[in-house]
PDB file of N, CA and C in Angstrom:
ATOM      1  N   UNK A   1       1.184  -2.824  14.899  1.00  0.00           N
ATOM      2  CA  UNK A   1       0.256  -2.283  15.861  1.00  0.00           C
ATOM      3  C   UNK A   1       0.086  -3.295  16.986  1.00  0.00           C
ATOM      4  N   UNK A   2       0.159  -2.804  18.195  1.00  0.00           N
ATOM      5  CA  UNK A   2       0.000  -3.678  19.348  1.00  0.00           C
ATOM      6  C   UNK A   2      -1.477  -3.802  19.699  1.00  0.00           C
ATOM      7  N   UNK A   3      -1.790  -4.829  20.440  1.00  0.00           N
ATOM      8  CA  UNK A   3      -3.166  -5.057  20.866  1.00  0.00           C
ATOM      9  C   UNK A   3      -3.638  -3.923  21.783  1.00  0.00           C
ATOM     10  N   UNK A   4      -2.739  -3.379  22.591  1.00  0.00           N
ATOM     11  CA  UNK A   4      -3.132  -2.274  23.477  1.00  0.00           C
ATOM     12  C   UNK A   4      -3.473  -1.014  22.671  1.00  0.00           C
ATOM     13  N   UNK A   5      -2.766  -0.766  21.568  1.00  0.00           N
ATOM     14  CA  UNK A   5      -3.085   0.378  20.708  1.00  0.00           C
ATOM     15  C   UNK A   5      -4.454   0.211  20.056  1.00  0.00           C
ATOM     16  N   UNK A   6      -4.761  -0.996  19.632  1.00  0.00           N
ATOM     17  CA  UNK A   6      -6.070  -1.266  19.043  1.00  0.00           C
ATOM     18  C   UNK A   6      -7.175  -1.067  20.074  1.00  0.00           C
ATOM     19  N   UNK A   7      -6.928  -1.502  21.306  1.00  0.00           N
ATOM     20  CA  UNK A   7      -7.917  -1.334  22.372  1.00  0.00           C
ATOM     21  C   UNK A   7      -8.138   0.149  22.675  1.00  0.00           C
ATOM     22  N   UNK A   8      -7.061   0.928  22.756  1.00  0.00           N
ATOM     23  CA  UNK A   8      -7.192   2.362  23.016  1.00  0.00           C
ATOM     24  C   UNK A   8      -7.978   3.054  21.896  1.00  0.00           C
ATOM     25  N   UNK A   9      -7.657   2.724  20.676  1.00  0.00           N
ATOM     26  CA  UNK A   9      -8.363   3.312  19.532  1.00  0.00           C
ATOM     27  C   UNK A   9      -9.834   2.948  19.527  1.00  0.00           C
ATOM     28  N   UNK A  10     -10.138   1.719  19.901  1.00  0.00           N
ATOM     29  CA  UNK A  10     -11.535   1.287  19.955  1.00  0.00           C
ATOM     30  C   UNK A  10     -12.297   2.043  21.028  1.00  0.00           C
ATOM     31  N   UNK A  11     -11.677   2.260  22.189  1.00  0.00           N
ATOM     32  CA  UNK A  11     -12.329   3.007  23.268  1.00  0.00           C
ATOM     33  C   UNK A  11     -12.552   4.461  22.869  1.00  0.00           C
ATOM     34  N   UNK A  12     -11.592   5.048  22.176  1.00  0.00           N
ATOM     35  CA  UNK A  12     -11.751   6.425  21.723  1.00  0.00           C
ATOM     36  C   UNK A  12     -12.892   6.526  20.719  1.00  0.00           C
ATOM     37  N   UNK A  13     -12.961   5.601  19.773  1.00  0.00           N
ATOM     38  CA  UNK A  13     -14.033   5.595  18.783  1.00  0.00           C
ATOM     39  C   UNK A  13     -15.387   5.414  19.462  1.00  0.00           C
ATOM     40  N   UNK A  14     -15.474   4.511  20.395  1.00  0.00           N
ATOM     41  CA  UNK A  14     -16.714   4.295  21.128  1.00  0.00           C
ATOM     42  C   UNK A  14     -17.102   5.551  21.914  1.00  0.00           C
ATOM     43  N   UNK A  15     -16.125   6.212  22.529  1.00  0.00           N
ATOM     44  CA  UNK A  15     -16.400   7.449  23.267  1.00  0.00           C
ATOM     45  C   UNK A  15     -16.920   8.554  22.375  1.00  0.00           C
ATOM     46  N   UNK A  16     -16.367   8.675  21.173  1.00  0.00           N
ATOM     47  CA  UNK A  16     -16.823   9.697  20.229  1.00  0.00           C
ATOM     48  C   UNK A  16     -18.258   9.411  19.784  1.00  0.00           C
ATOM     49  N   UNK A  17     -18.567   8.151  19.523  1.00  0.00           N
ATOM     50  CA  UNK A  17     -19.924   7.781  19.107  1.00  0.00           C
ATOM     51  C   UNK A  17     -20.929   8.074  20.219  1.00  0.00           C
ATOM     52  N   UNK A  18     -20.598   7.702  21.446  1.00  0.00           N
ATOM     53  CA  UNK A  18     -21.498   7.945  22.577  1.00  0.00           C
ATOM     54  C   UNK A  18     -21.670   9.448  22.806  1.00  0.00           C
ATOM     55  N   UNK A  19     -20.597  10.204  22.748  1.00  0.00           N
ATOM     56  CA  UNK A  19     -20.686  11.655  22.940  1.00  0.00           C
ATOM     57  C   UNK A  19     -21.542  12.297  21.849  1.00  0.00           C
ATOM     58  N   UNK A  20     -21.410  11.845  20.626  1.00  0.00           N
ATOM     59  CA  UNK A  20     -22.238  12.372  19.537  1.00  0.00           C
ATOM     60  C   UNK A  20     -23.705  12.080  19.746  1.00  0.00           C
ATOM     61  N   UNK A  21     -24.022  10.882  20.184  1.00  0.00           N
ATOM     62  CA  UNK A  21     -25.416  10.514  20.435  1.00  0.00           C
ATOM     63  C   UNK A  21     -26.008  11.336  21.583  1.00  0.00           C
ATOM     64  N   UNK A  22     -25.254  11.461  22.662  1.00  0.00           N
ATOM     65  CA  UNK A  22     -25.743  12.213  23.825  1.00  0.00           C
ATOM     66  C   UNK A  22     -25.942  13.679  23.463  1.00  0.00           C
ATOM     67  N   UNK A  23     -25.007  14.273  22.739  1.00  0.00           N
ATOM     68  CA  UNK A  23     -25.141  15.682  22.393  1.00  0.00           C
ATOM     69  C   UNK A  23     -26.300  15.898  21.422  1.00  0.00           C
ATOM     70  N   UNK A  24     -26.533  14.968  20.517  1.00  0.00           N
ATOM     71  CA  UNK A  24     -27.647  15.098  19.582  1.00  0.00           C
ATOM     72  C   UNK A  24     -28.980  15.045  20.313  1.00  0.00           C
ATOM     73  N   UNK A  25     -29.128  14.109  21.227  1.00  0.00           N
ATOM     74  CA  UNK A  25     -30.393  14.028  21.962  1.00  0.00           C
ATOM     75  C   UNK A  25     -30.579  15.256  22.854  1.00  0.00           C
ATOM     76  N   UNK A  26     -29.500  15.790  23.414  1.00  0.00           N
ATOM     77  CA  UNK A  26     -29.585  17.003  24.236  1.00  0.00           C
ATOM     78  C   UNK A  26     -30.054  18.191  23.396  1.00  0.00           C
ATOM     79  N   UNK A  27     -29.459  18.350  22.223  1.00  0.00           N
ATOM     80  CA  UNK A  27     -29.820  19.462  21.355  1.00  0.00           C
ATOM     81  C   UNK A  27     -31.267  19.320  20.894  1.00  0.00           C
ATOM     82  N   UNK A  28     -31.694  18.113  20.561  1.00  0.00           N
ATOM     83  CA  UNK A  28     -33.075  17.907  20.144  1.00  0.00           C
ATOM     84  C   UNK A  28     -34.051  18.266  21.252  1.00  0.00           C
ATOM     85  N   UNK A  29     -33.726  17.946  22.487  1.00  0.00           N
ATOM     86  CA  UNK A  29     -34.615  18.264  23.606  1.00  0.00           C
ATOM     87  C   UNK A  29     -34.648  19.754  23.898  1.00  0.00           C
ATOM     88  N   UNK A  30     -33.515  20.422  23.804  1.00  0.00           N
ATOM     89  CA  UNK A  30     -33.419  21.818  24.222  1.00  0.00           C
ATOM     90  C   UNK A  30     -33.788  22.813  23.125  1.00  0.00           C
ATOM     91  N   UNK A  31     -33.447  22.518  21.882  1.00  0.00           N
ATOM     92  CA  UNK A  31     -33.588  23.519  20.835  1.00  0.00           C
ATOM     93  C   UNK A  31     -34.695  23.253  19.827  1.00  0.00           C
ATOM     94  N   UNK A  32     -35.237  22.061  19.772  1.00  0.00           N
ATOM     95  CA  UNK A  32     -36.278  21.764  18.799  1.00  0.00           C
ATOM     96  C   UNK A  32     -37.568  22.462  19.195  1.00  0.00           C
ATOM     97  N   UNK A  33     -38.261  23.050  18.216  1.00  0.00           N
ATOM     98  CA  UNK A  33     -39.532  23.691  18.548  1.00  0.00           C
ATOM     99  C   UNK A  33     -40.561  22.622  18.910  1.00  0.00           C
ATOM    100  N   UNK A  34     -41.531  22.956  19.748  1.00  0.00           N
ATOM    101  CA  UNK A  34     -42.538  21.972  20.117  1.00  0.00           C
ATOM    102  C   UNK A  34     -43.348  21.527  18.899  1.00  0.00           C
ATOM    103  N   UNK A  35     -43.721  20.267  18.893  1.00  0.00           N
ATOM    104  CA  UNK A  35     -44.485  19.717  17.774  1.00  0.00           C
ATOM    105  C   UNK A  35     -45.890  20.300  17.774  1.00  0.00           C
ATOM    106  N   UNK A  36     -46.384  20.591  16.597  1.00  0.00           N
ATOM    107  CA  UNK A  36     -47.731  21.124  16.475  1.00  0.00           C
ATOM    108  C   UNK A  36     -48.718  19.964  16.514  1.00  0.00           C
ATOM    109  N   UNK A  37     -49.871  20.201  17.088  1.00  0.00           N
ATOM    110  CA  UNK A  37     -50.855  19.138  17.210  1.00  0.00           C
ATOM    111  C   UNK A  37     -51.726  19.012  15.975  1.00  0.00           C
ATOM    112  N   UNK A  38     -51.861  20.091  15.205  1.00  0.00           N
ATOM    113  CA  UNK A  38     -52.669  20.016  13.993  1.00  0.00           C
ATOM    114  C   UNK A  38     -51.757  19.903  12.791  1.00  0.00           C
ATOM    115  N   UNK A  39     -52.196  19.160  11.798  1.00  0.00           N
ATOM    116  CA  UNK A  39     -51.371  18.980  10.614  1.00  0.00           C
ATOM    117  C   UNK A  39     -51.619  20.055   9.568  1.00  0.00           C
ATOM    118  N   UNK A  40     -52.736  20.794   9.674  1.00  0.00           N
ATOM    119  CA  UNK A  40     -53.043  21.835   8.716  1.00  0.00           C
ATOM    120  C   UNK A  40     -53.143  23.173   9.432  1.00  0.00           C
ATOM    121  N   UNK A  41     -52.772  24.262   8.752  1.00  0.00           N
ATOM    122  CA  UNK A  41     -52.890  25.574   9.383  1.00  0.00           C
ATOM    123  C   UNK A  41     -54.357  25.954   9.579  1.00  0.00           C
ATOM    124  N   UNK A  42     -54.601  26.843  10.523  1.00  0.00           N
ATOM    125  CA  UNK A  42     -55.962  27.289  10.794  1.00  0.00           C
ATOM    126  C   UNK A  42     -56.509  28.052   9.594  1.00  0.00           C
ATOM    127  N   UNK A  43     -57.822  27.998   9.374  1.00  0.00           N
ATOM    128  CA  UNK A  43     -58.398  28.733   8.239  1.00  0.00           C
ATOM    129  C   UNK A  43     -58.162  30.233   8.398  1.00  0.00           C
ATOM    130  N   UNK A  44     -57.804  30.874   7.309  1.00  0.00           N
ATOM    131  CA  UNK A  44     -57.572  32.308   7.327  1.00  0.00           C
ATOM    132  C   UNK A  44     -56.164  32.713   7.716  1.00  0.00           C
ATOM    133  N   UNK A  45     -55.327  31.773   8.162  1.00  0.00           N
ATOM    134  CA  UNK A  45     -53.964  32.120   8.530  1.00  0.00           C
ATOM    135  C   UNK A  45     -53.020  31.718   7.396  1.00  0.00           C
ATOM    136  N   UNK A  46     -51.911  32.438   7.236  1.00  0.00           N
ATOM    137  CA  UNK A  46     -50.976  32.072   6.174  1.00  0.00           C
ATOM    138  C   UNK A  46     -50.300  30.737   6.473  1.00  0.00           C
ATOM    139  N   UNK A  47     -49.924  30.049   5.433  1.00  0.00           N
ATOM    140  CA  UNK A  47     -49.246  28.760   5.595  1.00  0.00           C
ATOM    141  C   UNK A  47     -47.899  28.967   6.253  1.00  0.00           C
ATOM    142  N   UNK A  48     -47.526  28.099   7.169  1.00  0.00           N
ATOM    143  CA  UNK A  48     -46.275  28.234   7.910  1.00  0.00           C
ATOM    144  C   UNK A  48     -45.161  27.477   7.201  1.00  0.00           C
ATOM    145  N   UNK A  49     -44.779  27.943   6.029  1.00  0.00           N
ATOM    146  CA  UNK A  49     -43.673  27.341   5.309  1.00  0.00           C
ATOM    147  C   UNK A  49     -42.552  28.361   5.192  1.00  0.00           C
ATOM    148  N   UNK A  50     -41.354  27.877   5.074  1.00  0.00           N
ATOM    149  CA  UNK A  50     -40.209  28.778   4.963  1.00  0.00           C
ATOM    150  C   UNK A  50     -40.275  29.512   3.628  1.00  0.00           C
ATOM    151  N   UNK A  51     -40.061  30.826   3.696  1.00  0.00           N
ATOM    152  CA  UNK A  51     -40.067  31.620   2.475  1.00  0.00           C
ATOM    153  C   UNK A  51     -39.134  32.814   2.642  1.00  0.00           C
ATOM    154  N   UNK A  52     -38.792  33.438   1.524  1.00  0.00           N
ATOM    155  CA  UNK A  52     -37.888  34.591   1.505  1.00  0.00           C
ATOM    156  C   UNK A  52     -38.717  35.836   1.240  1.00  0.00           C
ATOM    157  N   UNK A  53     -38.590  36.850   2.112  1.00  0.00           N
ATOM    158  CA  UNK A  53     -39.352  38.089   1.913  1.00  0.00           C
ATOM    159  C   UNK A  53     -38.642  38.981   0.905  1.00  0.00           C
ATOM    160  N   UNK A  54     -39.240  40.130   0.637  1.00  0.00           N
ATOM    161  CA  UNK A  54     -38.705  41.062  -0.356  1.00  0.00           C
ATOM    162  C   UNK A  54     -37.298  41.547  -0.014  1.00  0.00           C
ATOM    163  N   UNK A  55     -37.027  41.734   1.294  1.00  0.00           N
ATOM    164  CA  UNK A  55     -35.715  42.241   1.697  1.00  0.00           C
ATOM    165  C   UNK A  55     -34.670  41.135   1.862  1.00  0.00           C
ATOM    166  N   UNK A  56     -35.037  39.900   1.562  1.00  0.00           N
ATOM    167  CA  UNK A  56     -34.088  38.795   1.628  1.00  0.00           C
ATOM    168  C   UNK A  56     -34.037  38.074   2.951  1.00  0.00           C
ATOM    169  N   UNK A  57     -34.890  38.474   3.906  1.00  0.00           N
ATOM    170  CA  UNK A  57     -34.899  37.794   5.196  1.00  0.00           C
ATOM    171  C   UNK A  57     -35.821  36.576   5.133  1.00  0.00           C
ATOM    172  N   UNK A  58     -35.580  35.625   6.030  1.00  0.00           N
ATOM    173  CA  UNK A  58     -36.344  34.387   6.052  1.00  0.00           C
ATOM    174  C   UNK A  58     -37.521  34.507   6.998  1.00  0.00           C
ATOM    175  N   UNK A  59     -38.640  33.973   6.594  1.00  0.00           N
ATOM    176  CA  UNK A  59     -39.854  33.981   7.407  1.00  0.00           C
ATOM    177  C   UNK A  59     -40.255  32.527   7.692  1.00  0.00           C
ATOM    178  N   UNK A  60     -40.807  32.298   8.869  1.00  0.00           N
ATOM    179  CA  UNK A  60     -41.328  30.983   9.263  1.00  0.00           C
ATOM    180  C   UNK A  60     -40.248  29.898   9.254  1.00  0.00           C
ATOM    181  N   UNK A  61     -39.052  30.242   9.708  1.00  0.00           N
ATOM    182  CA  UNK A  61     -37.971  29.262   9.758  1.00  0.00           C
ATOM    183  C   UNK A  61     -37.212  29.463  11.062  1.00  0.00           C
ATOM    184  N   UNK A  62     -37.398  28.567  12.069  1.00  0.00           N
ATOM    185  CA  UNK A  62     -36.815  28.775  13.399  1.00  0.00           C
ATOM    186  C   UNK A  62     -35.340  28.417  13.519  1.00  0.00           C
ATOM    187  N   UNK A  63     -34.757  27.764  12.548  1.00  0.00           N
ATOM    188  CA  UNK A  63     -33.393  27.283  12.658  1.00  0.00           C
ATOM    189  C   UNK A  63     -32.405  28.272  12.055  1.00  0.00           C
ATOM    190  N   UNK A  64     -31.130  28.243  12.492  1.00  0.00           N
ATOM    191  CA  UNK A  64     -30.150  29.173  11.938  1.00  0.00           C
ATOM    192  C   UNK A  64     -29.777  28.862  10.490  1.00  0.00           C
ATOM    193  N   UNK A  65     -29.873  27.605  10.090  1.00  0.00           N
ATOM    194  CA  UNK A  65     -29.596  27.274   8.692  1.00  0.00           C
ATOM    195  C   UNK A  65     -30.923  27.313   7.939  1.00  0.00           C
ATOM    196  N   UNK A  66     -30.889  27.702   6.684  1.00  0.00           N
ATOM    197  CA  UNK A  66     -32.121  27.857   5.915  1.00  0.00           C
ATOM    198  C   UNK A  66     -32.073  26.966   4.687  1.00  0.00           C
ATOM    199  N   UNK A  67     -33.237  26.494   4.247  1.00  0.00           N
ATOM    200  CA  UNK A  67     -33.252  25.630   3.061  1.00  0.00           C
ATOM    201  C   UNK A  67     -32.907  26.413   1.801  1.00  0.00           C
ATOM    202  N   UNK A  68     -32.246  25.754   0.903  1.00  0.00           N
ATOM    203  CA  UNK A  68     -31.885  26.364  -0.363  1.00  0.00           C
ATOM    204  C   UNK A  68     -33.091  26.369  -1.297  1.00  0.00           C
ATOM    205  N   UNK A  69     -33.213  27.373  -2.120  1.00  0.00           N
ATOM    206  CA  UNK A  69     -34.265  27.491  -3.122  1.00  0.00           C
ATOM    207  C   UNK A  69     -35.665  27.535  -2.523  1.00  0.00           C
ATOM    208  N   UNK A  70     -35.820  28.211  -1.392  1.00  0.00           N
ATOM    209  CA  UNK A  70     -37.146  28.379  -0.816  1.00  0.00           C
ATOM    210  C   UNK A  70     -37.929  29.395  -1.643  1.00  0.00           C
ATOM    211  N   UNK A  71     -39.241  29.266  -1.678  1.00  0.00           N
ATOM    212  CA  UNK A  71     -40.048  30.202  -2.488  1.00  0.00           C
ATOM    213  C   UNK A  71     -40.104  31.580  -1.837  1.00  0.00           C
ATOM    214  N   UNK A  72     -40.452  32.567  -2.646  1.00  0.00           N
ATOM    215  CA  UNK A  72     -40.628  33.923  -2.130  1.00  0.00           C
ATOM    216  C   UNK A  72     -41.971  34.018  -1.418  1.00  0.00           C
ATOM    217  N   UNK A  73     -42.030  34.854  -0.380  1.00  0.00           N
ATOM    218  CA  UNK A  73     -43.281  35.037   0.365  1.00  0.00           C
ATOM    219  C   UNK A  73     -44.277  35.793  -0.496  1.00  0.00           C
ATOM    220  N   UNK A  74     -45.527  35.487  -0.278  1.00  0.00           N
ATOM    221  CA  UNK A  74     -46.580  36.172  -1.056  1.00  0.00           C
ATOM    222  C   UNK A  74     -46.927  37.489  -0.456  1.00  0.00           C
TER     223      UNK A  74
END
């Protein structure tokens, strides 16, 4: 392996790392739901946790991927 090949490979690896970081921060800014200011749900409202309804659809889960083994909705 020549020194120039090692340099090219290092630049490519660095570029991939930087691109991954930039895309992650972009996605977090654009797609993440806004943070809630209260840590507990309001009295009288149902808890906002991910659950599976009777028909198999997901409730209270904003992301396209869903957690495994979530409880059934009440």
